[in-house]
Amino acid sequence: RMTSHNMTWISYPSKSLSFISPEEIEAFIASQNVISRLMHCYIAFFVPTGLIAGICILIIFIKNYLQYKVIENLDLLLLHFTISNIVMIFLSFTVITRPDYLEATHLTCNILSFFFNFSYFNSQYVLILMLLILLLKRFPPRTALKATQRPILCVGFVLIYAFCLSLTEALLVGTDNYLLETACQLDPLFAWPEYEIIKFTFGFGIPSFLQILCFTTLFAKAAPAEVPALQQHFRTYPAAYIISISIFICHLFYNIMILFRTTFKLQKSIGTPKNELVMNIAEIVLFCESCASLVFILCFHKPCK
């Protein structure tokens, strides 16, 4: 049985305002200015670019399907990935209030967090499927891996898996104080420490290990003589590989910050305004990556080009 954690003590350093020296006040004002500028930059440049790219990709894929009545396995996964990232961009509008936070009830914040985690886990594991399909294009599939030739089945499995992980995360946000107003972030500050640990393990640790495994196999294993050279393979399917690298870099930074936050929770500390600033930067970097991924698909995926 899960025992409830008492997380009522936790608050944002910017909300506690227990500053003594003028230096601390100056540091606080400086960090608030940085968060505000980053938010304006993200909303002004990244959001419109990401949404326009996403809509263009959807139109191209739908148009191609209506014309040829068939959709490639990779295209289907990229379509799924695109929808997931568009949802992520819409959820990122919660940063509009920064340097302050969105005021919402614990229940509303938990619902927003559920959809955010669903998109987050979804896009991570769809990317793994894409890399696996590209791996099988280079190395003829064994019987055990024939299932990946049926992407609808794989997408269904990913959706169920992402739903179960998001539901687990929603339970770890805590089931108390549902109607209490709070400062809301998509990864709620008042969530139990296990929330961040599960998110790191299943949202970054396992997918990163699988990504590294795919890349290692690609470089280390000798391909059959009849398939194109490795450089040619990368040139044929650049979008998935570029996205894979960009997601790894941005998610690494974000997940390190998530673990730092867990450490503070376990130490019963709220951290400093500087810690809060870096966590905010990591969150905005994560959203910027969602926009950038859509631009990469539009620019580098052949049917979109």
Foldseek 3Di string as FASTA:
>chain_A
DDDFDPLVLADAQLVVPPDDDPVQVVVLVVLQVVLLVLLCCCVVPLLVLLVVLLVLLLVLQVVVCVVPVDDALLSVLVNQLSVLLNLLSVLVCQSVPPVFFDKDFLQVLLVSLLSNQLSLQLNLVSLLLNLVVLLCLQAPDDPVPCVSNVNVVVSVVSNVVSNVLSVVLSVQQDDPRRGPIDRHDSNGLSGALVSLVSCCVSRAVVSVVSVVVSVCCLPPPDTDPPDDDSVVSCLQPVLSVVLSVLQNVLVVQQSVLSNVSSVCVVVVHNDGSVSVSSNSVSSSSNSSSSSVSSVSCCPRHVSND
